[in-house]
Amino acid sequence: MTPLVAAAVLVAAVTHAGWNAIAHHLKDQLLSFTLISGGGALIAACAIWFVPAPAPAARPYLLLSAALHVGYMALLMRSFSLGDFGQTYPIARGTAPLAVTLLAAVFVGELPDGRQLLGVAVASAGLVGLALWGIRGTSRRPNRPAVLAALATGVAIAGYTVVDGVGVRAAGSPLGYIAWLMLLQGLAIPAYTLARRGTALGAQLRPHAALGLLGAAMSISAYALVLWAQTRAPLAPVAALRESSIIVGAAIGALFFKERFGAPRIAAAGVMVVGIGLMLHVG
């Protein structure tokens, strides 16, 4: 992983934590994810006219990934509704890197070299530390449904990360792939919400439309950067580096949601920085 790729993934991590914070801020989670998913589909519908279409070989991956993304959104909504941001976000993101390493090795035949593998392991240890402190430091006692929903979210993240890592390489166009992916997966939640809430939905969406579109733009930008990085580096190190968003998420939780940060989180973040350093390759 070169410094340029690492920088792109770090920007994606910050942007990703930002749109998740927006989603958590809007307390009506179904409304929040309707805005972000629907806004993403609207942006993608405009973008597909200006970017190269993905190659036909990428279509099966697009369909599978869209289904996994819808499941991920549903699980993320559930975890946000059950637990604090500082509890559920680190658990959901922290379970993904090691799972991606395993899935990439089994299904893609992609095993990082010894230094990168050590970096993934060390970074994951830091992520686990942040996740565990997220449980300890929340204002409410952790509950099993929130933890299970967050863990399931992490498994879904690992699944679509590997599928998209293969799909975007087959597509020949990262921008075309992300545009069609966001269009396909972005319609499911708005359609479900419309069926549930009917004609009242428009009035409910209107006060939050600008914030929802901002979250949608951040979501697309973050994942587009990750997909581009996956065409330039192995999947496992990209996945681990991407989850540095947990550090940003912990800071957002402390600054905006009045959740504790504390020395243990700082120590865990330091461990993760060491892991990131091991994953980088200059040259």
C-alpha atoms as a PDB file:
ATOM      1  CA  MET A   1       0.000   0.000   0.000  1.00  0.00           C
ATOM      2  CA  THR A   2       1.579   3.263  -1.157  1.00  0.00           C
ATOM      3  CA  PRO A   3       1.258   6.574   0.725  1.00  0.00           C
ATOM      4  CA  LEU A   4      -1.193   7.875  -1.917  1.00  0.00           C
ATOM      5  CA  VAL A   5      -3.502   4.891  -1.465  1.00  0.00           C
ATOM      6  CA  ALA A   6      -3.195   5.150   2.315  1.00  0.00           C
ATOM      7  CA  ALA A   7      -4.082   8.858   2.193  1.00  0.00           C
ATOM      8  CA  ALA A   8      -7.170   8.136   0.073  1.00  0.00           C
ATOM      9  CA  VAL A   9      -8.361   5.477   2.525  1.00  0.00           C
ATOM     10  CA  LEU A  10      -7.766   7.767   5.512  1.00  0.00           C
ATOM     11  CA  VAL A  11      -9.844  10.517   3.868  1.00  0.00           C
ATOM     12  CA  ALA A  12     -12.533   7.901   3.256  1.00  0.00           C
ATOM     13  CA  ALA A  13     -12.381   6.900   6.931  1.00  0.00           C
ATOM     14  CA  VAL A  14     -12.992  10.460   8.120  1.00  0.00           C
ATOM     15  CA  THR A  15     -15.811  10.954   5.625  1.00  0.00           C
ATOM     16  CA  HIS A  16     -17.377   7.626   6.567  1.00  0.00           C
ATOM     17  CA  ALA A  17     -17.427   8.445  10.270  1.00  0.00           C
ATOM     18  CA  GLY A  18     -19.027  11.764   9.378  1.00  0.00           C
ATOM     19  CA  TRP A  19     -21.978  10.307   7.496  1.00  0.00           C
ATOM     20  CA  ASN A  20     -22.523   7.683  10.180  1.00  0.00           C
ATOM     21  CA  ALA A  21     -22.651  10.471  12.760  1.00  0.00           C
ATOM     22  CA  ILE A  22     -25.276  12.253  10.646  1.00  0.00           C
ATOM     23  CA  ALA A  23     -27.283   9.027  10.452  1.00  0.00           C
ATOM     24  CA  HIS A  24     -27.083   8.601  14.212  1.00  0.00           C
ATOM     25  CA  HIS A  25     -27.947  12.262  14.867  1.00  0.00           C
ATOM     26  CA  LEU A  26     -31.324  11.932  13.151  1.00  0.00           C
ATOM     27  CA  LYS A  27     -33.126   9.958  15.821  1.00  0.00           C
ATOM     28  CA  ASP A  28     -35.716   8.494  13.463  1.00  0.00           C
ATOM     29  CA  GLN A  29     -33.377   5.873  12.040  1.00  0.00           C
ATOM     30  CA  LEU A  30     -35.684   4.734   9.237  1.00  0.00           C
ATOM     31  CA  LEU A  31     -36.083   8.343   8.108  1.00  0.00           C
ATOM     32  CA  SER A  32     -32.337   8.936   8.414  1.00  0.00           C
ATOM     33  CA  PHE A  33     -31.342   5.989   6.259  1.00  0.00           C
ATOM     34  CA  THR A  34     -34.120   6.751   3.780  1.00  0.00           C
ATOM     35  CA  LEU A  35     -32.595  10.183   3.242  1.00  0.00           C
ATOM     36  CA  ILE A  36     -29.038   8.883   2.925  1.00  0.00           C
ATOM     37  CA  SER A  37     -29.915   5.893   0.725  1.00  0.00           C
ATOM     38  CA  GLY A  38     -32.384   7.830  -1.410  1.00  0.00           C
ATOM     39  CA  GLY A  39     -30.005  10.769  -1.714  1.00  0.00           C
ATOM     40  CA  GLY A  40     -27.245   8.386  -2.769  1.00  0.00           C
ATOM     41  CA  ALA A  41     -29.505   6.855  -5.422  1.00  0.00           C
ATOM     42  CA  LEU A  42     -30.407  10.333  -6.708  1.00  0.00           C
ATOM     43  CA  ILE A  43     -26.743  11.375  -6.964  1.00  0.00           C
ATOM     44  CA  ALA A  44     -25.871   8.060  -8.634  1.00  0.00           C
ATOM     45  CA  ALA A  45     -28.723   8.397 -11.147  1.00  0.00           C
ATOM     46  CA  CYS A  46     -27.193  11.682 -12.285  1.00  0.00           C
ATOM     47  CA  ALA A  47     -23.618  10.364 -12.244  1.00  0.00           C
ATOM     48  CA  ILE A  48     -24.179   7.285 -14.430  1.00  0.00           C
ATOM     49  CA  TRP A  49     -24.555   9.546 -17.482  1.00  0.00           C
ATOM     50  CA  PHE A  50     -21.058  10.958 -17.007  1.00  0.00           C
ATOM     51  CA  VAL A  51     -18.935   7.949 -15.993  1.00  0.00           C
ATOM     52  CA  PRO A  52     -17.944   4.805 -17.938  1.00  0.00           C
ATOM     53  CA  ALA A  53     -20.322   1.891 -17.438  1.00  0.00           C
ATOM     54  CA  PRO A  54     -18.889  -1.101 -15.548  1.00  0.00           C
ATOM     55  CA  ALA A  55     -17.961  -4.112 -17.659  1.00  0.00           C
ATOM     56  CA  PRO A  56     -20.573  -6.912 -17.935  1.00  0.00           C
ATOM     57  CA  ALA A  57     -18.330  -9.182 -15.846  1.00  0.00           C
ATOM     58  CA  ALA A  58     -19.013  -6.937 -12.847  1.00  0.00           C
ATOM     59  CA  ARG A  59     -22.815  -7.283 -12.946  1.00  0.00           C
ATOM     60  CA  PRO A  60     -23.127 -10.360 -10.693  1.00  0.00           C
ATOM     61  CA  TYR A  61     -20.949  -8.656  -8.089  1.00  0.00           C
ATOM     62  CA  LEU A  62     -23.039  -5.493  -8.301  1.00  0.00           C
ATOM     63  CA  LEU A  63     -26.257  -7.419  -7.637  1.00  0.00           C
ATOM     64  CA  LEU A  64     -24.789  -9.411  -4.756  1.00  0.00           C
ATOM     65  CA  SER A  65     -23.167  -6.339  -3.247  1.00  0.00           C
ATOM     66  CA  ALA A  66     -26.402  -4.337  -3.474  1.00  0.00           C
ATOM     67  CA  ALA A  67     -28.193  -7.054  -1.500  1.00  0.00           C
ATOM     68  CA  LEU A  68     -25.409  -7.137   1.104  1.00  0.00           C
ATOM     69  CA  HIS A  69     -25.468  -3.345   1.402  1.00  0.00           C
ATOM     70  CA  VAL A  70     -29.223  -3.333   2.037  1.00  0.00           C
ATOM     71  CA  GLY A  71     -28.717  -5.932   4.772  1.00  0.00           C
ATOM     72  CA  TYR A  72     -25.868  -3.867   6.193  1.00  0.00           C
ATOM     73  CA  MET A  73     -28.031  -0.731   6.291  1.00  0.00           C
ATOM     74  CA  ALA A  74     -30.850  -2.587   8.028  1.00  0.00           C
ATOM     75  CA  LEU A  75     -28.470  -4.013  10.637  1.00  0.00           C
ATOM     76  CA  LEU A  76     -26.777  -0.645  11.145  1.00  0.00           C
ATOM     77  CA  MET A  77     -30.150   1.024  11.693  1.00  0.00           C
ATOM     78  CA  ARG A  78     -30.988  -1.637  14.244  1.00  0.00           C
ATOM     79  CA  SER A  79     -27.696  -1.273  16.108  1.00  0.00           C
ATOM     80  CA  PHE A  80     -27.959   2.540  16.181  1.00  0.00           C
ATOM     81  CA  SER A  81     -31.473   2.311  17.584  1.00  0.00           C
ATOM     82  CA  LEU A  82     -30.358  -0.044  20.371  1.00  0.00           C
ATOM     83  CA  GLY A  83     -27.001   1.369  21.504  1.00  0.00           C
ATOM     84  CA  ASP A  84     -24.927   4.534  21.780  1.00  0.00           C
ATOM     85  CA  PHE A  85     -22.813   5.684  18.814  1.00  0.00           C
ATOM     86  CA  GLY A  86     -19.607   5.096  20.786  1.00  0.00           C
ATOM     87  CA  GLN A  87     -20.720   1.527  21.508  1.00  0.00           C
ATOM     88  CA  THR A  88     -22.187   0.265  18.248  1.00  0.00           C
ATOM     89  CA  TYR A  89     -19.989   2.023  15.669  1.00  0.00           C
ATOM     90  CA  PRO A  90     -16.650   0.650  16.960  1.00  0.00           C
ATOM     91  CA  ILE A  91     -18.019  -2.881  17.278  1.00  0.00           C
ATOM     92  CA  ALA A  92     -19.535  -2.848  13.779  1.00  0.00           C
ATOM     93  CA  ARG A  93     -16.404  -1.479  12.144  1.00  0.00           C
ATOM     94  CA  GLY A  94     -13.917  -3.314  14.353  1.00  0.00           C
ATOM     95  CA  THR A  95     -15.103  -6.807  13.468  1.00  0.00           C
ATOM     96  CA  ALA A  96     -14.577  -6.322   9.732  1.00  0.00           C
ATOM     97  CA  PRO A  97     -10.781  -6.287   9.064  1.00  0.00           C
ATOM     98  CA  LEU A  98      -9.941  -9.777  10.312  1.00  0.00           C
ATOM     99  CA  ALA A  99     -13.059 -11.167   8.629  1.00  0.00           C
ATOM    100  CA  VAL A 100     -12.004  -9.515   5.366  1.00  0.00           C
ATOM    101  CA  THR A 101      -8.517 -11.004   5.715  1.00  0.00           C
ATOM    102  CA  LEU A 102     -10.014 -14.483   6.091  1.00  0.00           C
ATOM    103  CA  LEU A 103     -12.565 -14.104   3.285  1.00  0.00           C
ATOM    104  CA  ALA A 104     -10.012 -12.600   0.883  1.00  0.00           C
ATOM    105  CA  ALA A 105      -7.629 -15.475   1.550  1.00  0.00           C
ATOM    106  CA  VAL A 106     -10.316 -18.141   1.061  1.00  0.00           C
ATOM    107  CA  PHE A 107     -12.301 -16.729  -1.869  1.00  0.00           C
ATOM    108  CA  VAL A 108      -9.846 -14.448  -3.657  1.00  0.00           C
ATOM    109  CA  GLY A 109      -6.568 -16.212  -2.885  1.00  0.00           C
ATOM    110  CA  GLU A 110      -5.166 -12.940  -1.618  1.00  0.00           C
ATOM    111  CA  LEU A 111      -2.960 -13.281   1.452  1.00  0.00           C
ATOM    112  CA  PRO A 112      -1.010 -10.225   2.664  1.00  0.00           C
ATOM    113  CA  ASP A 113       2.715 -10.581   3.209  1.00  0.00           C
ATOM    114  CA  GLY A 114       4.048 -11.093   6.720  1.00  0.00           C
ATOM    115  CA  ARG A 115       4.468  -7.415   7.518  1.00  0.00           C
ATOM    116  CA  GLN A 116       1.014  -6.486   6.219  1.00  0.00           C
ATOM    117  CA  LEU A 117      -0.564  -9.415   8.047  1.00  0.00           C
ATOM    118  CA  LEU A 118       1.100  -8.284  11.279  1.00  0.00           C
ATOM    119  CA  GLY A 119      -0.163  -4.765  10.583  1.00  0.00           C
ATOM    120  CA  VAL A 120      -3.729  -6.015  10.122  1.00  0.00           C
ATOM    121  CA  ALA A 121      -3.486  -7.984  13.373  1.00  0.00           C
ATOM    122  CA  VAL A 122      -2.054  -5.064  15.365  1.00  0.00           C
ATOM    123  CA  ALA A 123      -4.527  -2.574  13.898  1.00  0.00           C
ATOM    124  CA  SER A 124      -7.371  -4.989  14.643  1.00  0.00           C
ATOM    125  CA  ALA A 125      -6.156  -5.271  18.239  1.00  0.00           C
ATOM    126  CA  GLY A 126      -6.429  -1.497  18.500  1.00  0.00           C
ATOM    127  CA  LEU A 127      -9.900  -1.606  16.969  1.00  0.00           C
ATOM    128  CA  VAL A 128     -11.004  -4.256  19.450  1.00  0.00           C
ATOM    129  CA  GLY A 129      -9.673  -2.095  22.275  1.00  0.00           C
ATOM    130  CA  LEU A 130     -11.669   0.862  21.024  1.00  0.00           C
ATOM    131  CA  ALA A 131     -14.752  -1.320  20.654  1.00  0.00           C
ATOM    132  CA  LEU A 132     -14.444  -2.744  24.180  1.00  0.00           C
ATOM    133  CA  TRP A 133     -13.929   0.699  25.667  1.00  0.00           C
ATOM    134  CA  GLY A 134     -16.916   1.863  23.633  1.00  0.00           C
ATOM    135  CA  ILE A 135     -18.965  -0.668  25.589  1.00  0.00           C
ATOM    136  CA  ARG A 136     -17.502   0.352  28.943  1.00  0.00           C
ATOM    137  CA  GLY A 137     -17.715   4.079  28.328  1.00  0.00           C
ATOM    138  CA  THR A 138     -21.326   4.389  27.175  1.00  0.00           C
ATOM    139  CA  SER A 139     -23.950   6.137  29.234  1.00  0.00           C
ATOM    140  CA  ARG A 140     -26.073   3.000  29.272  1.00  0.00           C
ATOM    141  CA  ARG A 141     -25.132  -0.531  30.213  1.00  0.00           C
ATOM    142  CA  PRO A 142     -24.374  -2.600  27.105  1.00  0.00           C
ATOM    143  CA  ASN A 143     -27.217  -4.857  26.039  1.00  0.00           C
ATOM    144  CA  ARG A 144     -26.941  -8.066  24.129  1.00  0.00           C
ATOM    145  CA  PRO A 145     -29.224  -7.105  21.206  1.00  0.00           C
ATOM    146  CA  ALA A 146     -27.157  -3.971  20.497  1.00  0.00           C
ATOM    147  CA  VAL A 147     -23.880  -5.912  20.558  1.00  0.00           C
ATOM    148  CA  LEU A 148     -25.260  -8.731  18.389  1.00  0.00           C
ATOM    149  CA  ALA A 149     -26.672  -6.268  15.859  1.00  0.00           C
ATOM    150  CA  ALA A 150     -23.321  -4.465  15.698  1.00  0.00           C
ATOM    151  CA  LEU A 151     -21.425  -7.751  15.246  1.00  0.00           C
ATOM    152  CA  ALA A 152     -23.797  -8.811  12.458  1.00  0.00           C
ATOM    153  CA  THR A 153     -23.226  -5.425  10.843  1.00  0.00           C
ATOM    154  CA  GLY A 154     -19.484  -6.105  10.881  1.00  0.00           C
ATOM    155  CA  VAL A 155     -19.979  -9.454   9.133  1.00  0.00           C
ATOM    156  CA  ALA A 156     -22.071  -7.734   6.450  1.00  0.00           C
ATOM    157  CA  ILE A 157     -19.311  -5.137   6.012  1.00  0.00           C
ATOM    158  CA  ALA A 158     -16.744  -7.886   5.485  1.00  0.00           C
ATOM    159  CA  GLY A 159     -19.004  -9.596   2.947  1.00  0.00           C
ATOM    160  CA  TYR A 160     -19.597  -6.592   0.728  1.00  0.00           C
ATOM    161  CA  THR A 161     -15.971  -5.465   1.057  1.00  0.00           C
ATOM    162  CA  VAL A 162     -14.696  -8.686  -0.501  1.00  0.00           C
ATOM    163  CA  VAL A 163     -17.459  -8.818  -3.149  1.00  0.00           C
ATOM    164  CA  ASP A 164     -16.784  -5.217  -4.156  1.00  0.00           C
ATOM    165  CA  GLY A 165     -13.029  -5.741  -4.101  1.00  0.00           C
ATOM    166  CA  VAL A 166     -13.425  -8.385  -6.807  1.00  0.00           C
ATOM    167  CA  GLY A 167     -16.259  -6.593  -8.596  1.00  0.00           C
ATOM    168  CA  VAL A 168     -14.557  -3.232  -8.966  1.00  0.00           C
ATOM    169  CA  ARG A 169     -11.477  -4.897 -10.461  1.00  0.00           C
ATOM    170  CA  ALA A 170     -13.698  -6.673 -12.996  1.00  0.00           C
ATOM    171  CA  ALA A 171     -15.612  -3.454 -13.739  1.00  0.00           C
ATOM    172  CA  GLY A 172     -12.701  -1.526 -15.221  1.00  0.00           C
ATOM    173  CA  SER A 173     -14.275   1.688 -13.892  1.00  0.00           C
ATOM    174  CA  PRO A 174     -14.378   2.388 -10.145  1.00  0.00           C
ATOM    175  CA  LEU A 175     -16.619   5.426 -10.702  1.00  0.00           C
ATOM    176  CA  GLY A 176     -19.023   3.468 -12.886  1.00  0.00           C
ATOM    177  CA  TYR A 177     -19.130   0.643 -10.366  1.00  0.00           C
ATOM    178  CA  ILE A 178     -19.869   2.901  -7.383  1.00  0.00           C
ATOM    179  CA  ALA A 179     -22.541   4.835  -9.313  1.00  0.00           C
ATOM    180  CA  TRP A 180     -24.448   1.705 -10.303  1.00  0.00           C
ATOM    181  CA  LEU A 181     -23.987   0.147  -6.870  1.00  0.00           C
ATOM    182  CA  MET A 182     -25.435   3.187  -5.097  1.00  0.00           C
ATOM    183  CA  LEU A 183     -28.313   3.335  -7.557  1.00  0.00           C
ATOM    184  CA  LEU A 184     -29.189  -0.342  -7.084  1.00  0.00           C
ATOM    185  CA  GLN A 185     -28.900  -0.482  -3.315  1.00  0.00           C
ATOM    186  CA  GLY A 186     -30.212   3.025  -2.673  1.00  0.00           C
ATOM    187  CA  LEU A 187     -33.817   2.341  -3.725  1.00  0.00           C
ATOM    188  CA  ALA A 188     -34.677  -0.480  -1.322  1.00  0.00           C
ATOM    189  CA  ILE A 189     -34.935   1.420   1.975  1.00  0.00           C
ATOM    190  CA  PRO A 190     -36.849   4.424   0.527  1.00  0.00           C
ATOM    191  CA  ALA A 191     -39.313   2.014  -1.106  1.00  0.00           C
ATOM    192  CA  TYR A 192     -39.809   0.190   2.203  1.00  0.00           C
ATOM    193  CA  THR A 193     -40.271   3.465   4.092  1.00  0.00           C
ATOM    194  CA  LEU A 194     -42.793   4.724   1.546  1.00  0.00           C
ATOM    195  CA  ALA A 195     -44.780   1.507   1.933  1.00  0.00           C
ATOM    196  CA  ARG A 196     -44.724   1.904   5.724  1.00  0.00           C
ATOM    197  CA  ARG A 197     -45.489   5.641   6.014  1.00  0.00           C
ATOM    198  CA  GLY A 198     -47.350   6.472   2.838  1.00  0.00           C
ATOM    199  CA  THR A 199     -48.159  10.053   1.903  1.00  0.00           C
ATOM    200  CA  ALA A 200     -46.894  11.412   5.237  1.00  0.00           C
ATOM    201  CA  LEU A 201     -43.305  10.576   4.236  1.00  0.00           C
ATOM    202  CA  GLY A 202     -42.734  13.740   2.193  1.00  0.00           C
ATOM    203  CA  ALA A 203     -43.530  16.029   5.110  1.00  0.00           C
ATOM    204  CA  GLN A 204     -41.310  13.970   7.413  1.00  0.00           C
ATOM    205  CA  LEU A 205     -38.349  14.108   5.020  1.00  0.00           C
ATOM    206  CA  ARG A 206     -38.508  17.799   4.148  1.00  0.00           C
ATOM    207  CA  PRO A 207     -36.999  19.307   7.342  1.00  0.00           C
ATOM    208  CA  HIS A 208     -33.961  17.006   7.131  1.00  0.00           C
ATOM    209  CA  ALA A 209     -33.457  16.906   3.355  1.00  0.00           C
ATOM    210  CA  ALA A 210     -30.290  19.032   3.244  1.00  0.00           C
ATOM    211  CA  LEU A 211     -28.598  17.054   6.017  1.00  0.00           C
ATOM    212  CA  GLY A 212     -29.618  13.791   4.377  1.00  0.00           C
ATOM    213  CA  LEU A 213     -28.174  14.827   1.016  1.00  0.00           C
ATOM    214  CA  LEU A 214     -24.936  15.831   2.735  1.00  0.00           C
ATOM    215  CA  GLY A 215     -24.765  12.397   4.358  1.00  0.00           C
ATOM    216  CA  ALA A 216     -25.478  10.741   1.001  1.00  0.00           C
ATOM    217  CA  ALA A 217     -22.699  12.681  -0.737  1.00  0.00           C
ATOM    218  CA  MET A 218     -20.266  11.801   2.059  1.00  0.00           C
ATOM    219  CA  SER A 219     -21.262   8.132   1.870  1.00  0.00           C
ATOM    220  CA  ILE A 220     -20.684   7.910  -1.884  1.00  0.00           C
ATOM    221  CA  SER A 221     -17.388   9.816  -1.693  1.00  0.00           C
ATOM    222  CA  ALA A 222     -16.069   7.632   1.113  1.00  0.00           C
ATOM    223  CA  TYR A 223     -16.852   4.358  -0.601  1.00  0.00           C
ATOM    224  CA  ALA A 224     -15.638   5.548  -4.012  1.00  0.00           C
ATOM    225  CA  LEU A 225     -12.231   6.247  -2.474  1.00  0.00           C
ATOM    226  CA  VAL A 226     -12.193   2.794  -0.864  1.00  0.00           C
ATOM    227  CA  LEU A 227     -13.118   1.076  -4.124  1.00  0.00           C
ATOM    228  CA  TRP A 228     -10.369   2.928  -5.963  1.00  0.00           C
ATOM    229  CA  ALA A 229      -7.901   1.862  -3.249  1.00  0.00           C
ATOM    230  CA  GLN A 230      -9.011  -1.754  -3.651  1.00  0.00           C
ATOM    231  CA  THR A 231      -7.842  -1.651  -7.265  1.00  0.00           C
ATOM    232  CA  ARG A 232      -4.387  -0.540  -6.098  1.00  0.00           C
ATOM    233  CA  ALA A 233      -3.759  -2.591  -2.938  1.00  0.00           C
ATOM    234  CA  PRO A 234      -4.707  -5.909  -1.274  1.00  0.00           C
ATOM    235  CA  LEU A 235      -8.172  -6.015   0.306  1.00  0.00           C
ATOM    236  CA  ALA A 236      -7.167  -6.806   3.901  1.00  0.00           C
ATOM    237  CA  PRO A 237      -4.837  -3.823   4.540  1.00  0.00           C
ATOM    238  CA  VAL A 238      -7.322  -1.462   2.875  1.00  0.00           C
ATOM    239  CA  ALA A 239     -10.110  -2.815   5.089  1.00  0.00           C
ATOM    240  CA  ALA A 240      -8.028  -2.438   8.249  1.00  0.00           C
ATOM    241  CA  LEU A 241      -6.886   1.087   7.390  1.00  0.00           C
ATOM    242  CA  ARG A 242     -10.413   2.098   6.475  1.00  0.00           C
ATOM    243  CA  GLU A 243     -11.573   1.217   9.963  1.00  0.00           C
ATOM    244  CA  SER A 244      -9.437   3.994  11.389  1.00  0.00           C
ATOM    245  CA  SER A 245     -12.796   5.738  11.061  1.00  0.00           C
ATOM    246  CA  ILE A 246     -13.397   4.282  14.526  1.00  0.00           C
ATOM    247  CA  ILE A 247     -10.934   6.804  15.951  1.00  0.00           C
ATOM    248  CA  VAL A 248     -12.818   9.607  14.235  1.00  0.00           C
ATOM    249  CA  GLY A 249     -16.109   8.097  15.367  1.00  0.00           C
ATOM    250  CA  ALA A 250     -14.911   7.989  18.962  1.00  0.00           C
ATOM    251  CA  ALA A 251     -13.880  11.651  18.735  1.00  0.00           C
ATOM    252  CA  ILE A 252     -17.246  12.603  17.225  1.00  0.00           C
ATOM    253  CA  GLY A 253     -19.006  10.696  19.994  1.00  0.00           C
ATOM    254  CA  ALA A 254     -17.036  12.622  22.599  1.00  0.00           C
ATOM    255  CA  LEU A 255     -17.400  16.062  20.996  1.00  0.00           C
ATOM    256  CA  PHE A 256     -20.972  15.986  19.717  1.00  0.00           C
ATOM    257  CA  PHE A 257     -22.760  13.219  21.603  1.00  0.00           C
ATOM    258  CA  LYS A 258     -21.058  13.829  24.975  1.00  0.00           C
ATOM    259  CA  GLU A 259     -19.723  10.266  25.184  1.00  0.00           C
ATOM    260  CA  ARG A 260     -16.482   9.503  27.019  1.00  0.00           C
ATOM    261  CA  PHE A 261     -13.150   9.180  25.199  1.00  0.00           C
ATOM    262  CA  GLY A 262     -10.566   8.645  27.934  1.00  0.00           C
ATOM    263  CA  ALA A 263      -7.007   7.302  28.189  1.00  0.00           C
ATOM    264  CA  PRO A 264      -7.861   3.672  27.228  1.00  0.00           C
ATOM    265  CA  ARG A 265      -9.260   4.837  23.888  1.00  0.00           C
ATOM    266  CA  ILE A 266      -6.170   6.964  23.298  1.00  0.00           C
ATOM    267  CA  ALA A 267      -3.958   3.933  24.019  1.00  0.00           C
ATOM    268  CA  ALA A 268      -6.019   1.739  21.687  1.00  0.00           C
ATOM    269  CA  ALA A 269      -5.775   4.393  18.974  1.00  0.00           C
ATOM    270  CA  GLY A 270      -1.991   4.391  19.411  1.00  0.00           C
ATOM    271  CA  VAL A 271      -1.881   0.632  18.903  1.00  0.00           C
ATOM    272  CA  MET A 272      -3.864   1.064  15.723  1.00  0.00           C
ATOM    273  CA  VAL A 273      -1.454   3.723  14.427  1.00  0.00           C
ATOM    274  CA  VAL A 274       1.395   1.223  14.875  1.00  0.00           C
ATOM    275  CA  GLY A 275      -0.564  -1.314  12.840  1.00  0.00           C
ATOM    276  CA  ILE A 276      -1.167   1.230  10.105  1.00  0.00           C
ATOM    277  CA  GLY A 277       2.549   1.962   9.953  1.00  0.00           C
ATOM    278  CA  LEU A 278       3.271  -1.747   9.451  1.00  0.00           C
ATOM    279  CA  MET A 279       0.799  -1.941   6.577  1.00  0.00           C
ATOM    280  CA  LEU A 280       2.303   0.934   4.627  1.00  0.00           C
ATOM    281  CA  HIS A 281       4.860   0.344   1.913  1.00  0.00           C
ATOM    282  CA  VAL A 282       6.841   3.257   0.544  1.00  0.00           C
ATOM    283  CA  GLY A 283       7.911   2.821  -3.043  1.00  0.00           C
END
